[in-house]
């Protein structure tokens, strides 16, 4: 999902030939999904979402995630353009997710989040 038609087309071209991929133009908070997702990828997008909308966006994504699904995220962490890794983990935890794996580089954070094993839908 992206609010930019251009980025949807870039993704469509990069994912050409893959099955079971759903690309949508719009705002995640405005769309209801018929079934949950196994994987949600957030790639260099959350830091551009206004700070006061980030928590509701992450919660909307988590609410559409299958019980054993995963959110994979990569975000810049530079002071000049990015967000702190701690904020990312706090947002995911506020949505009921736990960090499964992560990698911190000099100017970016990558992580995989999912529900705790005792989570029930």
Protein backbone atom coordinates (compact mmCIF):
# COMPACT_ATOMS: atom_id res chain seq x y z
CA UNK A 1 0.00 0.00 0.00
CA UNK A 2 1.28 3.42 -0.86
CA UNK A 3 -0.24 6.84 -1.30
CA UNK A 4 1.89 7.39 -4.39
CA UNK A 5 0.81 5.98 -7.74
CA UNK A 6 4.45 6.16 -8.84
CA UNK A 7 5.70 3.89 -6.03
CA UNK A 8 2.88 1.41 -6.64
CA UNK A 9 4.03 1.15 -10.27
CA UNK A 10 7.67 0.70 -9.18
CA UNK A 11 6.59 -2.10 -6.84
CA UNK A 12 4.39 -3.67 -9.53
CA UNK A 13 7.36 -3.75 -11.92
CA UNK A 14 9.69 -5.21 -9.27
CA UNK A 15 7.20 -7.86 -8.20
CA UNK A 16 6.06 -8.82 -11.69
CA UNK A 17 5.50 -12.57 -11.93
CA UNK A 18 5.00 -13.15 -8.20
CA UNK A 19 1.69 -14.60 -7.09
CA UNK A 20 -0.37 -13.63 -4.07
CA UNK A 21 0.87 -10.02 -3.97
CA UNK A 22 -1.72 -7.31 -3.41
CA UNK A 23 -0.70 -3.73 -4.23
CA UNK A 24 -3.09 -0.95 -3.29
CA UNK A 25 -3.09 2.80 -3.72
CA UNK A 26 -4.33 4.66 -0.67
CA UNK A 27 -3.97 5.19 3.05
CA UNK A 28 -3.77 2.09 5.28
CA UNK A 29 -6.22 3.60 7.77
CA UNK A 30 -8.90 4.04 5.11
CA UNK A 31 -9.04 0.48 3.79
CA UNK A 32 -10.50 -2.68 5.26
CA UNK A 33 -9.06 -5.95 4.12
CA UNK A 34 -11.07 -9.14 3.56
CA UNK A 35 -8.43 -11.36 5.18
CA UNK A 36 -5.21 -11.06 7.11
CA UNK A 37 -1.71 -10.78 5.74
CA UNK A 38 1.13 -13.21 6.28
CA UNK A 39 3.76 -10.53 5.70
CA UNK A 40 3.60 -6.75 5.76
CA UNK A 41 6.68 -4.90 4.51
CA UNK A 42 7.33 -1.34 5.65
CA UNK A 43 10.26 -0.02 3.64
CA UNK A 44 11.45 3.52 4.32
CA UNK A 45 7.93 4.85 4.88
CA UNK A 46 7.13 5.12 8.60
CA UNK A 47 9.57 7.99 9.20
CA UNK A 48 7.62 10.06 6.62
CA UNK A 49 4.29 9.48 8.37
CA UNK A 50 3.45 12.39 10.70
CA UNK A 51 4.52 11.45 14.23
CA UNK A 52 0.96 11.77 15.59
CA UNK A 53 -0.31 9.21 13.01
CA UNK A 54 2.39 6.55 13.35
CA UNK A 55 0.83 4.61 16.21
CA UNK A 56 -2.58 4.31 14.56
CA UNK A 57 -0.94 3.22 11.30
CA UNK A 58 1.09 0.48 12.98
CA UNK A 59 -1.98 -0.69 14.91
CA UNK A 60 -4.00 -0.82 11.67
CA UNK A 61 -1.28 -2.95 10.07
CA UNK A 62 -1.08 -5.27 13.08
CA UNK A 63 -4.87 -5.67 13.15
CA UNK A 64 -4.71 -7.00 9.57
CA UNK A 65 -1.87 -9.42 10.32
CA UNK A 66 -2.46 -13.17 10.63
CA UNK A 67 -1.65 -14.61 14.08
CA UNK A 68 1.62 -16.08 12.80
CA UNK A 69 2.22 -13.18 10.40
CA UNK A 70 5.19 -10.86 10.42
CA UNK A 71 5.86 -7.18 9.91
CA UNK A 72 9.23 -6.59 8.27
CA UNK A 73 10.48 -3.03 8.58
CA UNK A 74 13.46 -1.06 7.37
CA UNK A 75 13.78 2.61 8.27
CA UNK A 76 16.51 5.25 8.18
CA UNK A 77 17.71 6.36 11.61
CA UNK A 78 19.63 9.53 10.73
CA UNK A 79 18.82 12.58 12.81
CA UNK A 80 18.45 14.59 9.61
CA UNK A 81 15.99 12.18 7.99
CA UNK A 82 14.72 9.15 9.86
CA UNK A 83 13.52 8.03 13.25
CA UNK A 84 15.14 6.38 16.27
CA UNK A 85 15.12 2.58 16.38
CA UNK A 86 13.70 2.78 19.91
CA UNK A 87 10.62 4.59 18.55
CA UNK A 88 10.08 1.81 16.01
CA UNK A 89 10.17 -0.87 18.70
CA UNK A 90 7.87 1.15 20.95
CA UNK A 91 5.34 1.57 18.13
CA UNK A 92 5.37 -2.16 17.37
CA UNK A 93 5.02 -3.04 21.06
CA UNK A 94 2.07 -0.65 21.40
CA UNK A 95 0.40 -2.72 18.66
CA UNK A 96 0.98 -5.95 20.61
CA UNK A 97 3.98 -7.13 18.57
CA UNK A 98 7.36 -8.36 19.73
CA UNK A 99 10.72 -8.02 18.04
CA UNK A 100 11.81 -11.35 16.57
CA UNK A 101 14.95 -10.21 14.84
CA UNK A 102 16.71 -6.93 14.17
CA UNK A 103 19.81 -5.39 12.68
CA UNK A 104 21.07 -1.90 13.41
CA UNK A 105 23.39 -0.35 10.87
CA UNK A 106 25.06 3.01 11.00
CA UNK A 107 22.10 4.84 9.48
CA UNK A 108 19.26 2.31 9.28
CA UNK A 109 17.27 -0.19 11.33
CA UNK A 110 15.82 -3.46 10.02
CA UNK A 111 13.52 -5.60 12.10
CA UNK A 112 11.00 -8.42 12.04
CA UNK A 113 8.02 -8.28 14.40
CA UNK A 114 5.24 -10.72 15.20
CA UNK A 115 2.72 -11.57 17.86
CA UNK A 116 3.83 -13.36 21.03
CA UNK A 117 3.24 -17.11 20.94
CA UNK A 118 0.36 -16.77 23.43
CA UNK A 119 -1.49 -14.29 21.15
CA UNK A 120 -4.96 -15.32 20.06
CA UNK A 121 -7.08 -13.61 17.43
